[in-house]
């Protein structure tokens, strides 16, 4: 079936709800409205108000309630309506969710999924276009993943729900309704915490995740027309990082460029650059380059396309890497 990313998430959540009565959803406006992005559309009607719960506008309360539910054997999936709204729940996430299993020496698993629409490109006001992934990836005890396409969205949300560890599940909001793709419900998906080469190439490795995977693939198409071969790796998992496919690719190409919408300073690109340099130093033909948002608060929507890394900025970095 051909689905958008939003519809694929809806189908994945539906299947999880059908397969396990302990799965429940909770968040602001996710029930009767079906969520701001309609990801949970129709689920409350089909599964009832006890399993698809419209919560108060209180992110700390949403996550705190989910902690209690998880400790009682449920598998709560909570939605943070927009990325910039997650900070009232930040204390709960880093102080309780991330530490509970370690604190209890494994006796208290924390099977919770925290869904966060992230990134820009929708013309929203401030607090609606953040990229907070590095803050969660830096927190031991949390798993952090980012889907980039409908097929991954369908399978990854189910795999995250099945995990006994808490998973921060990042969804690129600009991709929710952008494209349709084939989703095979009978397929065998790759493991949740794994990266994947989505386009083979030989000249330079481009590492992307979430919304920038599409940017990287478009850049690779443009570069191919000029005789340059870009290999694109979709990281998919940000914590833990699945580095073997990344390192194998960089050792072949000798060059790496990391692209993400988050600020460059102390973003995921910094960790990737360090790890690649440590492991592939003698294979590198150029420094690892990073392309990302500028080190400013997210701008007004009229100029957000100047802030976000686009095809031209990524191709410029590729040119600079190849020029070494």
Protein backbone atom coordinates (compact mmCIF):
# COMPACT_ATOMS: atom_id res chain seq x y z
CA UNK A 1 0.00 0.00 0.00
CA UNK A 2 1.16 3.53 -0.75
CA UNK A 3 1.09 5.79 2.30
CA UNK A 4 2.34 9.16 3.45
CA UNK A 5 4.60 9.20 6.48
CA UNK A 6 1.70 10.35 8.68
CA UNK A 7 -0.58 7.57 7.43
CA UNK A 8 2.22 5.02 7.86
CA UNK A 9 2.65 6.06 11.50
CA UNK A 10 -1.11 5.81 11.95
CA UNK A 11 -1.07 2.29 10.51
CA UNK A 12 1.87 1.29 12.71
CA UNK A 13 0.18 2.62 15.84
CA UNK A 14 -3.05 0.87 14.89
CA UNK A 15 -1.26 -2.45 14.51
CA UNK A 16 0.50 -2.02 17.86
CA UNK A 17 -2.82 -1.26 19.56
CA UNK A 18 -4.38 -4.34 17.96
CA UNK A 19 -1.51 -6.65 18.90
CA UNK A 20 -1.08 -5.65 22.55
CA UNK A 21 -3.87 -4.49 24.90
CA UNK A 22 -1.23 -2.90 27.15
CA UNK A 23 -0.36 -0.32 24.46
CA UNK A 24 -2.07 3.03 24.91
CA UNK A 25 -1.65 6.50 23.44
CA UNK A 26 -1.73 9.80 25.28
CA UNK A 27 -1.27 13.41 24.26
CA UNK A 28 -2.83 16.76 23.54
CA UNK A 29 -5.69 16.60 21.02
CA UNK A 30 -4.69 13.14 19.78
CA UNK A 31 -8.12 11.62 20.32
CA UNK A 32 -11.17 13.36 18.93
CA UNK A 33 -9.10 15.70 16.73
CA UNK A 34 -6.65 13.00 15.65
CA UNK A 35 -3.62 15.13 16.45
CA UNK A 36 -2.45 18.40 14.95
CA UNK A 37 -0.86 16.47 12.06
CA UNK A 38 -3.67 13.84 12.03
CA UNK A 39 -1.23 11.05 12.85
CA UNK A 40 -3.68 9.47 15.32
CA UNK A 41 -6.79 10.14 13.23
CA UNK A 42 -9.55 7.60 13.87
CA UNK A 43 -7.73 5.67 16.58
CA UNK A 44 -9.82 6.90 19.52
CA UNK A 45 -13.01 6.05 17.65
CA UNK A 46 -11.80 2.50 17.07
CA UNK A 47 -10.01 1.78 20.37
CA UNK A 48 -11.87 3.98 22.84
CA UNK A 49 -11.04 6.83 25.18
CA UNK A 50 -9.30 4.55 27.69
CA UNK A 51 -6.57 3.64 25.18
CA UNK A 52 -6.31 6.83 23.11
CA UNK A 53 -6.38 9.54 25.74
CA UNK A 54 -6.79 13.28 25.25
CA UNK A 55 -4.57 14.78 27.93
CA UNK A 56 -4.47 18.24 29.50
CA UNK A 57 -2.00 20.76 28.07
CA UNK A 58 0.74 19.71 30.47
CA UNK A 59 3.75 17.93 29.02
CA UNK A 60 5.29 17.18 32.41
CA UNK A 61 2.03 15.59 33.49
CA UNK A 62 1.79 13.56 30.27
CA UNK A 63 5.26 12.07 30.66
CA UNK A 64 4.95 11.68 34.44
CA UNK A 65 1.69 9.76 34.04
CA UNK A 66 3.35 7.58 31.40
CA UNK A 67 6.15 6.74 33.85
CA UNK A 68 3.60 5.37 36.28
CA UNK A 69 1.82 3.43 33.55
CA UNK A 70 5.08 1.90 32.32
CA UNK A 71 5.97 0.82 35.86
CA UNK A 72 2.58 -0.91 36.06
CA UNK A 73 3.22 -2.94 32.91
CA UNK A 74 1.67 -0.76 30.23
CA UNK A 75 3.41 0.44 27.07
CA UNK A 76 2.46 4.10 26.82
CA UNK A 77 3.09 6.09 23.64
CA UNK A 78 2.98 9.81 24.40
CA UNK A 79 2.89 12.57 21.84
CA UNK A 80 4.57 15.92 22.39
CA UNK A 81 2.51 18.10 20.10
CA UNK A 82 5.46 20.16 18.84
CA UNK A 83 9.20 19.80 19.43
CA UNK A 84 9.48 23.10 21.28
CA UNK A 85 6.84 21.96 23.78
CA UNK A 86 9.00 19.15 25.14
CA UNK A 87 10.96 21.30 27.60
CA UNK A 88 8.34 21.35 30.39
CA UNK A 89 8.74 17.54 30.37
CA UNK A 90 12.52 17.63 30.13
CA UNK A 91 13.02 17.08 33.86
CA UNK A 92 10.75 14.03 33.80
CA UNK A 93 12.51 12.60 30.75
CA UNK A 94 16.13 13.00 31.89
CA UNK A 95 15.60 12.55 35.64
CA UNK A 96 13.06 9.71 35.70
CA UNK A 97 12.47 8.11 32.31
CA UNK A 98 16.15 7.79 31.39
CA UNK A 99 17.30 6.56 34.81
CA UNK A 100 14.57 4.24 36.06
CA UNK A 101 15.88 0.99 34.59
CA UNK A 102 19.47 1.70 35.67
CA UNK A 103 18.36 2.90 39.10
CA UNK A 104 16.44 -0.34 39.67
CA UNK A 105 19.28 -2.56 38.37
CA UNK A 106 17.06 -3.68 35.50
CA UNK A 107 14.10 -4.68 37.65
CA UNK A 108 11.93 -1.82 36.40
CA UNK A 109 11.96 -1.56 32.61
CA UNK A 110 10.61 1.63 31.10
CA UNK A 111 8.78 0.63 27.88
CA UNK A 112 7.74 4.12 26.82
CA UNK A 113 7.78 5.89 23.45
CA UNK A 114 7.91 9.69 23.35
CA UNK A 115 6.82 10.84 19.89
CA UNK A 116 8.17 14.27 18.93
CA UNK A 117 7.46 16.00 15.59
CA UNK A 118 10.73 17.82 14.93
CA UNK A 119 12.45 20.13 12.48
CA UNK A 120 11.29 23.05 10.38
CA UNK A 121 9.88 23.77 6.98
CA UNK A 122 6.20 24.24 7.85
CA UNK A 123 6.13 28.03 8.27
CA UNK A 124 5.35 27.91 11.98
CA UNK A 125 6.01 30.40 14.76
CA UNK A 126 8.73 29.89 17.38
CA UNK A 127 8.59 26.80 19.61
CA UNK A 128 7.15 24.84 16.66
CA UNK A 129 10.30 24.13 14.64
CA UNK A 130 12.99 22.98 17.04
CA UNK A 131 15.59 20.23 16.61
CA UNK A 132 16.34 19.06 20.18
CA UNK A 133 17.71 15.63 19.30
CA UNK A 134 21.27 16.19 20.58
CA UNK A 135 19.97 16.95 24.06
CA UNK A 136 18.29 13.55 24.26
CA UNK A 137 21.02 11.62 22.45
CA UNK A 138 23.45 13.01 25.07
CA UNK A 139 21.37 11.50 27.91
CA UNK A 140 22.38 7.96 28.93
CA UNK A 141 19.38 5.67 29.29
CA UNK A 142 17.43 7.09 26.37
CA UNK A 143 17.24 5.58 22.91
CA UNK A 144 16.73 8.14 20.14
CA UNK A 145 15.59 7.30 16.60
CA UNK A 146 14.46 9.37 13.61
CA UNK A 147 12.40 8.03 10.72
CA UNK A 148 12.68 9.61 7.27
CA UNK A 149 10.22 7.73 5.05
CA UNK A 150 6.84 5.97 5.29
CA UNK A 151 8.16 2.40 5.32
CA UNK A 152 10.56 3.14 8.16
CA UNK A 153 7.87 5.06 10.02
CA UNK A 154 5.49 2.09 9.88
CA UNK A 155 7.99 -0.44 11.19
CA UNK A 156 10.09 1.73 13.50
CA UNK A 157 7.13 2.91 15.59
CA UNK A 158 6.12 -0.70 16.23
CA UNK A 159 9.69 -1.70 17.08
CA UNK A 160 10.02 1.26 19.44
CA UNK A 161 6.81 0.30 21.23
CA UNK A 162 8.09 -3.27 21.64
CA UNK A 163 11.33 -2.05 23.24
CA UNK A 164 11.70 -2.29 27.02
CA UNK A 165 13.84 0.84 26.99
CA UNK A 166 12.43 4.36 26.61
CA UNK A 167 12.61 5.59 23.02
CA UNK A 168 12.48 9.21 21.89
CA UNK A 169 10.86 8.85 18.47
CA UNK A 170 11.55 11.81 16.18
CA UNK A 171 9.22 12.45 13.25
CA UNK A 172 10.14 14.98 10.52
CA UNK A 173 7.06 17.14 10.43
CA UNK A 174 7.73 18.57 6.96
CA UNK A 175 7.58 14.98 5.64
CA UNK A 176 4.27 14.00 7.24
CA UNK A 177 2.22 14.63 4.10
CA UNK A 178 4.94 15.31 1.53
CA UNK A 179 5.29 12.05 -0.40
CA UNK A 180 3.70 8.64 -0.62
CA UNK A 181 5.77 5.47 -0.71
CA UNK A 182 5.12 1.76 -0.76
CA UNK A 183 4.74 0.12 2.64
CA UNK A 184 4.87 -3.68 2.65
CA UNK A 185 3.20 -5.00 5.78
CA UNK A 186 4.64 -8.46 5.10
CA UNK A 187 8.25 -7.30 4.83
CA UNK A 188 10.98 -8.09 7.34
CA UNK A 189 12.19 -4.71 8.63
CA UNK A 190 15.79 -3.97 9.55
CA UNK A 191 16.60 -3.75 13.27
CA UNK A 192 15.42 -0.57 14.97
CA UNK A 193 18.85 0.66 16.02
CA UNK A 194 20.56 0.40 12.64
CA UNK A 195 21.71 2.82 9.94
CA UNK A 196 21.37 2.08 6.24
CA UNK A 197 22.90 3.11 2.91
CA UNK A 198 19.98 4.50 0.88
CA UNK A 199 22.00 5.50 -2.18
CA UNK A 200 25.32 3.98 -3.20
CA UNK A 201 28.19 6.20 -4.31
CA UNK A 202 31.96 6.35 -4.51
CA UNK A 203 33.20 9.94 -4.14
CA UNK A 204 31.84 11.20 -0.81
CA UNK A 205 29.66 9.89 2.02
CA UNK A 206 26.75 12.09 3.14
CA UNK A 207 25.24 11.28 6.54
CA UNK A 208 21.69 12.43 7.22
CA UNK A 209 18.63 11.57 9.30
CA UNK A 210 15.00 12.60 9.49
CA UNK A 211 14.13 15.57 7.23
CA UNK A 212 17.62 15.93 5.73
CA UNK A 213 17.63 12.48 4.14
CA UNK A 214 15.38 13.80 1.39
CA UNK A 215 17.68 16.82 0.98
CA UNK A 216 20.69 14.53 0.69
CA UNK A 217 19.01 12.32 -1.91
CA UNK A 218 18.05 15.36 -4.00
CA UNK A 219 21.63 16.64 -3.75
CA UNK A 220 22.94 13.25 -4.87
CA UNK A 221 20.71 13.38 -7.94
CA UNK A 222 21.97 16.87 -8.80
CA UNK A 223 25.60 15.86 -8.19
CA UNK A 224 25.24 12.81 -10.45
CA UNK A 225 24.36 15.12 -13.31
CA UNK A 226 27.76 16.74 -12.86
CA UNK A 227 29.69 13.48 -12.62
CA UNK A 228 30.02 13.31 -8.83
CA UNK A 229 28.96 10.16 -6.98
CA UNK A 230 27.48 10.71 -3.50
CA UNK A 231 26.74 7.85 -1.13
CA UNK A 232 23.86 8.68 1.24
CA UNK A 233 23.55 6.99 4.63
CA UNK A 234 20.31 7.34 6.60
CA UNK A 235 21.44 7.13 10.22
CA UNK A 236 17.95 6.23 11.53
CA UNK A 237 19.28 5.80 15.07
CA UNK A 238 20.97 8.66 16.91
CA UNK A 239 21.48 6.89 20.22
CA UNK A 240 22.93 4.38 19.98
CA UNK A 241 24.71 5.33 16.78
CA UNK A 242 25.11 2.41 14.38
CA UNK A 243 28.59 3.22 13.10
CA UNK A 244 29.80 0.14 11.15
CA UNK A 245 27.89 1.06 7.93
CA UNK A 246 29.07 4.67 8.32
CA UNK A 247 32.72 3.75 8.82
CA UNK A 248 32.69 1.21 6.01
CA UNK A 249 31.30 3.85 3.65
CA UNK A 250 33.79 6.53 4.68
CA UNK A 251 36.72 4.16 4.34
CA UNK A 252 35.65 3.57 0.72
CA UNK A 253 34.95 7.18 -0.26
CA UNK A 254 37.58 8.90 1.90
CA UNK A 255 35.25 11.84 2.54
CA UNK A 256 32.28 12.57 4.79
CA UNK A 257 29.72 15.35 5.09
CA UNK A 258 27.10 15.38 7.87
CA UNK A 259 23.85 17.33 7.38
CA UNK A 260 21.16 18.05 9.96
CA UNK A 261 18.68 20.86 10.66
CA UNK A 262 19.88 21.35 14.22
CA UNK A 263 22.53 23.95 15.02
CA UNK A 264 26.00 22.91 13.91
CA UNK A 265 27.58 23.80 17.26
CA UNK A 266 27.58 20.64 19.45
CA UNK A 267 25.07 18.94 17.16
CA UNK A 268 25.11 15.25 16.15
CA UNK A 269 27.53 16.17 13.39
CA UNK A 270 30.20 16.99 15.96
CA UNK A 271 30.03 13.51 17.50
CA UNK A 272 29.99 11.85 14.09
CA UNK A 273 32.98 13.90 12.93
CA UNK A 274 34.93 12.91 16.04
CA UNK A 275 34.09 9.21 15.77
CA UNK A 276 34.86 9.10 12.04
CA UNK A 277 38.17 10.87 12.59
CA UNK A 278 39.11 8.45 15.38
CA UNK A 279 38.26 5.35 13.35
CA UNK A 280 39.01 6.40 9.76
CA UNK A 281 41.87 8.88 10.12
CA UNK A 282 44.20 7.17 7.65
CA UNK A 283 41.40 6.72 5.10
CA UNK A 284 40.28 10.36 5.05
CA UNK A 285 41.17 12.53 2.07
CA UNK A 286 39.50 15.62 3.61
CA UNK A 287 38.20 16.84 6.97
CA UNK A 288 34.71 15.74 7.97
CA UNK A 289 32.43 18.67 7.14
CA UNK A 290 29.15 19.65 8.78
CA UNK A 291 26.10 21.40 7.32
CA UNK A 292 23.27 22.51 9.60
CA UNK A 293 21.22 25.31 11.05
CA UNK A 294 22.91 28.52 12.12
CA UNK A 295 23.71 29.18 15.77
CA UNK A 296 20.70 31.40 16.37
CA UNK A 297 17.22 30.76 17.73
CA UNK A 298 14.89 29.46 15.05
CA UNK A 299 13.93 32.43 12.85
CA UNK A 300 10.59 33.83 11.74
CA UNK A 301 8.86 31.63 9.16
CA UNK A 302 9.46 34.10 6.33
CA UNK A 303 13.19 33.42 6.43
CA UNK A 304 13.31 29.83 7.68
CA UNK A 305 14.35 28.52 4.26
CA UNK A 306 17.51 30.62 4.59
CA UNK A 307 18.16 29.03 7.98
CA UNK A 308 17.61 25.40 7.05
CA UNK A 309 20.34 23.45 5.20
CA UNK A 310 19.25 23.11 1.59
CA UNK A 311 20.50 21.47 -1.57
CA UNK A 312 22.86 24.34 -2.43
CA UNK A 313 24.54 24.43 1.00
CA UNK A 314 24.98 20.68 0.99
CA UNK A 315 26.43 20.63 -2.53
CA UNK A 316 28.79 23.44 -1.56
CA UNK A 317 30.11 21.30 1.30
CA UNK A 318 30.51 18.36 -1.06
CA UNK A 319 32.47 20.57 -3.47
CA UNK A 320 34.73 21.75 -0.63
CA UNK A 321 35.35 18.18 0.48
CA UNK A 322 36.23 17.07 -3.04
CA UNK A 323 38.53 20.07 -3.48
CA UNK A 324 40.94 18.87 -0.76
